[in-house]
């Protein structure tokens, strides 16, 4: 992955974390890796544990950020969330998977930043 893409992804995660905090979430983890993939952000929203997929794009040329969460990616997110719950003995905790969709224009200006609750059904 190119350095520019890594920087864009990292910036997207930082923007997403800030927006979630503004909305009353508490970010409790970042970049959780397991055999099923990676969870970008882990947060609490009330008494719900929220796994957050962050999608950052420079344009909608290849679709919107949320459209890039394919059925295969959704399956990986669900499996990673279940792995996290099991690894942290949180089997009885209510949880969901949200997405943060970000579009950044040339020059770095954020043109869209949306939080989608329950973006993936588990």
N, C-alpha and C. Protein backbone atom coordinates (compact mmCIF):
# COMPACT_ATOMS: atom_id res chain seq x y z
N UNK A 1 0.85 -1.18 0.00
CA UNK A 1 0.00 0.00 0.00
C UNK A 1 0.89 1.24 0.00
N UNK A 2 0.54 2.22 -0.81
CA UNK A 2 1.36 3.41 -0.94
C UNK A 2 1.30 4.26 0.34
N UNK A 3 2.35 5.07 0.51
CA UNK A 3 2.40 5.96 1.67
C UNK A 3 1.21 6.92 1.68
N UNK A 4 0.83 7.41 0.49
CA UNK A 4 -0.29 8.35 0.40
C UNK A 4 -1.58 7.69 0.86
N UNK A 5 -1.78 6.43 0.49
CA UNK A 5 -2.99 5.72 0.91
C UNK A 5 -3.00 5.46 2.40
N UNK A 6 -1.84 5.12 2.95
CA UNK A 6 -1.72 4.90 4.39
C UNK A 6 -2.03 6.20 5.13
N UNK A 7 -1.48 7.32 4.65
CA UNK A 7 -1.75 8.62 5.29
C UNK A 7 -3.23 8.99 5.20
N UNK A 8 -3.85 8.73 4.05
CA UNK A 8 -5.27 9.02 3.89
C UNK A 8 -6.10 8.19 4.87
N UNK A 9 -5.77 6.91 4.97
CA UNK A 9 -6.48 6.03 5.89
C UNK A 9 -6.32 6.46 7.35
N UNK A 10 -5.11 6.80 7.71
CA UNK A 10 -4.84 7.25 9.09
C UNK A 10 -5.58 8.56 9.38
N UNK A 11 -5.57 9.46 8.41
CA UNK A 11 -6.30 10.73 8.60
C UNK A 11 -7.79 10.46 8.75
N UNK A 12 -8.31 9.55 7.94
CA UNK A 12 -9.72 9.19 8.03
C UNK A 12 -10.07 8.63 9.40
N UNK A 13 -9.22 7.77 9.93
CA UNK A 13 -9.47 7.21 11.26
C UNK A 13 -9.44 8.29 12.33
N UNK A 14 -8.51 9.23 12.21
CA UNK A 14 -8.45 10.34 13.18
C UNK A 14 -9.70 11.20 13.10
N UNK A 15 -10.14 11.53 11.88
CA UNK A 15 -11.36 12.32 11.70
C UNK A 15 -12.57 11.58 12.25
N UNK A 16 -12.64 10.28 11.97
CA UNK A 16 -13.77 9.48 12.44
C UNK A 16 -13.80 9.44 13.96
N UNK A 17 -12.64 9.23 14.58
CA UNK A 17 -12.59 9.17 16.05
C UNK A 17 -13.07 10.48 16.66
N UNK A 18 -12.62 11.60 16.09
CA UNK A 18 -13.06 12.91 16.60
C UNK A 18 -14.57 13.09 16.46
N UNK A 19 -15.11 12.71 15.30
CA UNK A 19 -16.56 12.87 15.10
C UNK A 19 -17.34 11.99 16.06
N UNK A 20 -16.88 10.76 16.26
CA UNK A 20 -17.58 9.87 17.18
C UNK A 20 -17.59 10.45 18.60
N UNK A 21 -16.47 10.99 19.04
CA UNK A 21 -16.41 11.62 20.37
C UNK A 21 -17.39 12.78 20.45
N UNK A 22 -17.46 13.59 19.38
CA UNK A 22 -18.43 14.70 19.34
C UNK A 22 -19.86 14.19 19.49
N UNK A 23 -20.13 12.98 19.00
CA UNK A 23 -21.47 12.40 19.05
C UNK A 23 -21.73 11.61 20.34
N UNK A 24 -20.78 11.63 21.26
CA UNK A 24 -20.99 10.97 22.54
C UNK A 24 -20.42 9.58 22.67
N UNK A 25 -19.68 9.12 21.67
CA UNK A 25 -19.01 7.82 21.76
C UNK A 25 -17.75 8.00 22.60
N UNK A 26 -17.27 6.90 23.17
CA UNK A 26 -15.97 6.86 23.82
C UNK A 26 -15.13 5.84 23.06
N UNK A 27 -14.06 6.29 22.46
CA UNK A 27 -13.18 5.39 21.70
C UNK A 27 -12.32 4.62 22.69
N UNK A 28 -12.39 3.29 22.61
CA UNK A 28 -11.65 2.44 23.56
C UNK A 28 -10.54 1.64 22.89
N UNK A 29 -10.48 1.65 21.56
CA UNK A 29 -9.43 0.91 20.88
C UNK A 29 -9.34 1.30 19.41
N UNK A 30 -8.16 1.02 18.85
CA UNK A 30 -7.92 1.31 17.43
C UNK A 30 -7.13 0.18 16.82
N UNK A 31 -7.43 -0.11 15.57
CA UNK A 31 -6.66 -1.05 14.77
C UNK A 31 -6.47 -2.42 15.43
N UNK A 32 -7.57 -3.01 15.86
CA UNK A 32 -7.53 -4.36 16.44
C UNK A 32 -7.38 -5.36 15.30
N UNK A 33 -6.30 -6.11 15.35
CA UNK A 33 -6.03 -7.10 14.30
C UNK A 33 -6.22 -8.51 14.85
N UNK A 34 -6.81 -9.35 14.02
CA UNK A 34 -7.01 -10.76 14.37
C UNK A 34 -6.99 -11.55 13.06
N UNK A 35 -7.09 -12.88 13.13
CA UNK A 35 -7.04 -13.68 11.90
C UNK A 35 -8.14 -13.33 10.88
N UNK A 36 -9.19 -12.68 11.31
CA UNK A 36 -10.31 -12.36 10.41
C UNK A 36 -10.16 -11.00 9.74
N UNK A 37 -9.20 -10.21 10.17
CA UNK A 37 -9.01 -8.88 9.60
C UNK A 37 -8.75 -7.86 10.68
N UNK A 38 -9.13 -6.63 10.39
CA UNK A 38 -8.87 -5.52 11.31
C UNK A 38 -10.15 -4.75 11.58
N UNK A 39 -10.27 -4.31 12.83
CA UNK A 39 -11.34 -3.40 13.23
C UNK A 39 -10.68 -2.03 13.42
N UNK A 40 -11.13 -1.05 12.64
CA UNK A 40 -10.48 0.26 12.66
C UNK A 40 -10.60 0.94 14.02
N UNK A 41 -11.83 1.04 14.53
CA UNK A 41 -12.06 1.69 15.82
C UNK A 41 -13.02 0.83 16.63
N UNK A 42 -12.82 0.86 17.93
CA UNK A 42 -13.74 0.20 18.87
C UNK A 42 -14.15 1.29 19.85
N UNK A 43 -15.46 1.41 20.04
CA UNK A 43 -15.97 2.49 20.87
C UNK A 43 -17.14 2.00 21.72
N UNK A 44 -17.50 2.82 22.67
CA UNK A 44 -18.72 2.60 23.45
C UNK A 44 -19.67 3.73 23.13
N UNK A 45 -20.92 3.39 22.97
CA UNK A 45 -21.97 4.38 22.76
C UNK A 45 -23.10 3.98 23.69
N UNK A 46 -23.17 4.66 24.83
CA UNK A 46 -24.06 4.20 25.89
C UNK A 46 -23.52 2.88 26.41
N UNK A 47 -24.39 1.87 26.52
CA UNK A 47 -23.90 0.57 26.97
C UNK A 47 -23.67 -0.39 25.81
N UNK A 48 -23.57 0.13 24.60
CA UNK A 48 -23.34 -0.70 23.42
C UNK A 48 -21.87 -0.58 23.00
N UNK A 49 -21.25 -1.72 22.73
CA UNK A 49 -19.90 -1.74 22.18
C UNK A 49 -20.04 -1.62 20.67
N UNK A 50 -19.30 -0.69 20.09
CA UNK A 50 -19.45 -0.39 18.67
C UNK A 50 -18.11 -0.62 17.96
N UNK A 51 -18.16 -1.47 16.95
CA UNK A 51 -17.01 -1.70 16.08
C UNK A 51 -17.23 -0.80 14.87
N UNK A 52 -16.20 -0.02 14.52
CA UNK A 52 -16.38 1.00 13.49
C UNK A 52 -15.44 0.75 12.32
N UNK A 53 -16.03 0.64 11.13
CA UNK A 53 -15.27 0.55 9.90
C UNK A 53 -15.19 1.94 9.30
N UNK A 54 -13.98 2.42 9.05
CA UNK A 54 -13.77 3.76 8.49
C UNK A 54 -13.39 3.60 7.02
N UNK A 55 -14.14 4.29 6.15
CA UNK A 55 -13.86 4.24 4.72
C UNK A 55 -13.64 5.67 4.25
N UNK A 56 -12.44 5.92 3.73
CA UNK A 56 -12.06 7.26 3.28
C UNK A 56 -11.73 7.19 1.79
N UNK A 57 -12.31 8.10 1.04
CA UNK A 57 -12.11 8.15 -0.40
C UNK A 57 -11.77 9.57 -0.83
N UNK A 58 -11.06 9.67 -1.94
CA UNK A 58 -10.74 10.98 -2.52
C UNK A 58 -11.84 11.44 -3.46
N UNK A 59 -12.66 10.51 -3.95
CA UNK A 59 -13.77 10.87 -4.84
C UNK A 59 -14.76 9.71 -4.85
N UNK A 60 -15.89 9.93 -5.50
CA UNK A 60 -16.89 8.87 -5.64
C UNK A 60 -16.77 8.19 -7.00
N UNK A 61 -15.65 8.38 -7.64
CA UNK A 61 -15.42 7.82 -8.98
C UNK A 61 -15.67 6.32 -9.03
N UNK A 62 -15.27 5.63 -7.98
CA UNK A 62 -15.46 4.17 -7.92
C UNK A 62 -16.54 3.80 -6.91
N UNK A 63 -17.44 4.73 -6.63
CA UNK A 63 -18.51 4.50 -5.67
C UNK A 63 -18.26 5.26 -4.38
N UNK A 64 -19.29 5.30 -3.57
CA UNK A 64 -19.18 6.00 -2.28
C UNK A 64 -18.37 5.15 -1.31
N UNK A 65 -17.88 5.78 -0.25
CA UNK A 65 -17.12 5.00 0.73
C UNK A 65 -17.90 3.81 1.28
N UNK A 66 -19.19 4.02 1.61
CA UNK A 66 -19.95 2.92 2.20
C UNK A 66 -20.24 1.81 1.20
N UNK A 67 -20.30 2.15 -0.09
CA UNK A 67 -20.49 1.12 -1.12
C UNK A 67 -19.29 0.18 -1.21
N UNK A 68 -18.15 0.61 -0.69
CA UNK A 68 -16.96 -0.23 -0.75
C UNK A 68 -16.94 -1.31 0.35
N UNK A 69 -17.96 -1.32 1.20
CA UNK A 69 -18.05 -2.36 2.22
C UNK A 69 -18.84 -3.52 1.61
N UNK A 70 -18.11 -4.37 0.93
CA UNK A 70 -18.70 -5.48 0.19
C UNK A 70 -19.24 -6.56 1.13
N UNK A 71 -20.06 -7.46 0.63
CA UNK A 71 -20.52 -8.58 1.47
C UNK A 71 -19.34 -9.36 2.08
N UNK A 72 -18.28 -9.53 1.34
CA UNK A 72 -17.10 -10.23 1.87
C UNK A 72 -16.49 -9.44 3.03
N UNK A 73 -16.36 -8.12 2.86
CA UNK A 73 -15.83 -7.28 3.93
C UNK A 73 -16.75 -7.31 5.14
N UNK A 74 -18.06 -7.29 4.91
CA UNK A 74 -19.02 -7.37 6.01
C UNK A 74 -18.83 -8.66 6.81
N UNK A 75 -18.63 -9.77 6.12
CA UNK A 75 -18.41 -11.06 6.80
C UNK A 75 -17.14 -11.01 7.64
N UNK A 76 -16.08 -10.39 7.11
CA UNK A 76 -14.83 -10.26 7.87
C UNK A 76 -15.03 -9.38 9.11
N UNK A 77 -15.79 -8.30 8.97
CA UNK A 77 -16.05 -7.41 10.11
C UNK A 77 -16.82 -8.14 11.20
N UNK A 78 -17.83 -8.91 10.82
CA UNK A 78 -18.61 -9.66 11.81
C UNK A 78 -17.73 -10.67 12.52
N UNK A 79 -16.92 -11.40 11.75
CA UNK A 79 -16.03 -12.40 12.35
C UNK A 79 -15.00 -11.74 13.27
N UNK A 80 -14.46 -10.61 12.87
CA UNK A 80 -13.47 -9.90 13.71
C UNK A 80 -14.13 -9.39 14.98
N UNK A 81 -15.35 -8.88 14.87
CA UNK A 81 -16.07 -8.40 16.06
C UNK A 81 -16.33 -9.55 17.02
N UNK A 82 -16.75 -10.68 16.50
CA UNK A 82 -17.00 -11.85 17.35
C UNK A 82 -15.71 -12.34 17.99
N UNK A 83 -14.61 -12.28 17.26
CA UNK A 83 -13.30 -12.65 17.81
C UNK A 83 -12.94 -11.73 18.98
N UNK A 84 -13.13 -10.42 18.79
CA UNK A 84 -12.84 -9.44 19.84
C UNK A 84 -13.68 -9.72 21.08
N UNK A 85 -14.96 -9.95 20.88
CA UNK A 85 -15.86 -10.22 22.01
C UNK A 85 -15.42 -11.45 22.79
N UNK A 86 -15.06 -12.50 22.07
CA UNK A 86 -14.62 -13.73 22.72
C UNK A 86 -13.28 -13.52 23.42
N UNK A 87 -12.35 -12.86 22.75
CA UNK A 87 -11.01 -12.65 23.33
C UNK A 87 -11.05 -11.78 24.58
N UNK A 88 -12.06 -10.93 24.70
CA UNK A 88 -12.16 -10.03 25.84
C UNK A 88 -13.29 -10.41 26.80
N UNK A 89 -13.78 -11.63 26.68
CA UNK A 89 -14.85 -12.14 27.56
C UNK A 89 -16.03 -11.18 27.64
N UNK A 90 -16.51 -10.76 26.47
CA UNK A 90 -17.61 -9.80 26.41
C UNK A 90 -18.83 -10.39 25.68
N UNK A 91 -19.01 -11.68 25.80
CA UNK A 91 -20.06 -12.37 25.05
C UNK A 91 -21.46 -11.82 25.32
N UNK A 92 -21.70 -11.29 26.51
CA UNK A 92 -23.04 -10.82 26.85
C UNK A 92 -23.25 -9.32 26.63
N UNK A 93 -22.27 -8.65 26.05
CA UNK A 93 -22.36 -7.21 25.84
C UNK A 93 -23.10 -6.92 24.52
N UNK A 94 -24.06 -6.00 24.54
CA UNK A 94 -24.70 -5.63 23.27
C UNK A 94 -23.68 -4.93 22.36
N UNK A 95 -23.75 -5.23 21.06
CA UNK A 95 -22.78 -4.65 20.14
C UNK A 95 -23.42 -4.42 18.77
N UNK A 96 -22.72 -3.60 17.99
CA UNK A 96 -23.13 -3.35 16.61
C UNK A 96 -21.90 -2.92 15.82
N UNK A 97 -22.09 -2.87 14.50
CA UNK A 97 -21.01 -2.41 13.63
C UNK A 97 -21.52 -1.16 12.90
N UNK A 98 -20.82 -0.05 13.12
CA UNK A 98 -21.11 1.21 12.44
C UNK A 98 -20.05 1.45 11.37
N UNK A 99 -20.32 2.39 10.49
CA UNK A 99 -19.33 2.81 9.50
C UNK A 99 -19.24 4.32 9.53
N UNK A 100 -18.06 4.81 9.21
CA UNK A 100 -17.87 6.24 9.01
C UNK A 100 -17.39 6.40 7.58
N UNK A 101 -18.16 7.13 6.79
CA UNK A 101 -17.87 7.36 5.38
C UNK A 101 -17.33 8.77 5.21
N UNK A 102 -16.14 8.87 4.64
CA UNK A 102 -15.46 10.17 4.51
C UNK A 102 -15.03 10.36 3.06
N UNK A 103 -15.28 11.55 2.54
CA UNK A 103 -14.77 11.92 1.23
C UNK A 103 -13.92 13.17 1.40
N UNK A 104 -12.70 13.11 0.85
CA UNK A 104 -11.74 14.20 0.94
C UNK A 104 -11.47 14.71 -0.47
N UNK A 105 -11.68 16.00 -0.69
CA UNK A 105 -11.45 16.62 -2.00
C UNK A 105 -9.96 16.85 -2.23
N UNK A 106 -9.58 17.09 -3.48
CA UNK A 106 -8.19 17.48 -3.74
C UNK A 106 -7.83 18.68 -2.88
N UNK A 107 -6.67 18.65 -2.33
CA UNK A 107 -6.25 19.71 -1.41
C UNK A 107 -6.51 19.36 0.04
N UNK A 108 -7.23 18.25 0.27
CA UNK A 108 -7.40 17.77 1.63
C UNK A 108 -8.66 18.22 2.35
N UNK A 109 -9.52 19.00 1.69
CA UNK A 109 -10.74 19.46 2.35
C UNK A 109 -11.74 18.31 2.45
N UNK A 110 -12.29 18.12 3.65
CA UNK A 110 -13.29 17.08 3.88
C UNK A 110 -14.62 17.58 3.33
N UNK A 111 -15.18 16.85 2.37
CA UNK A 111 -16.45 17.25 1.77
C UNK A 111 -17.62 16.46 2.32
N UNK A 112 -17.33 15.35 2.95
CA UNK A 112 -18.40 14.54 3.54
C UNK A 112 -17.82 13.69 4.65
N UNK A 113 -18.53 13.64 5.78
CA UNK A 113 -18.15 12.78 6.89
C UNK A 113 -19.46 12.34 7.55
N UNK A 114 -19.85 11.12 7.30
CA UNK A 114 -21.11 10.63 7.83
C UNK A 114 -20.93 9.38 8.66
N UNK A 115 -21.68 9.29 9.75
CA UNK A 115 -21.68 8.10 10.61
C UNK A 115 -22.94 7.32 10.30
N UNK A 116 -22.76 6.05 10.01
CA UNK A 116 -23.88 5.17 9.68
C UNK A 116 -23.98 4.11 10.77
N UNK A 117 -25.00 4.24 11.62
CA UNK A 117 -25.19 3.26 12.69
C UNK A 117 -25.73 1.96 12.09
N UNK A 118 -25.32 0.84 12.68
CA UNK A 118 -25.77 -0.48 12.24
C UNK A 118 -25.54 -0.68 10.75
N UNK A 119 -24.37 -0.27 10.27
CA UNK A 119 -24.04 -0.37 8.86
C UNK A 119 -23.93 -1.82 8.38
N UNK A 120 -23.56 -2.69 9.31
CA UNK A 120 -23.41 -4.12 9.01
C UNK A 120 -24.22 -4.89 10.03
N UNK A 121 -25.05 -5.77 9.55
CA UNK A 121 -25.87 -6.59 10.46
C UNK A 121 -25.14 -7.88 10.79
N UNK A 122 -25.07 -8.17 12.08
CA UNK A 122 -24.39 -9.38 12.52
C UNK A 122 -25.39 -10.34 13.00
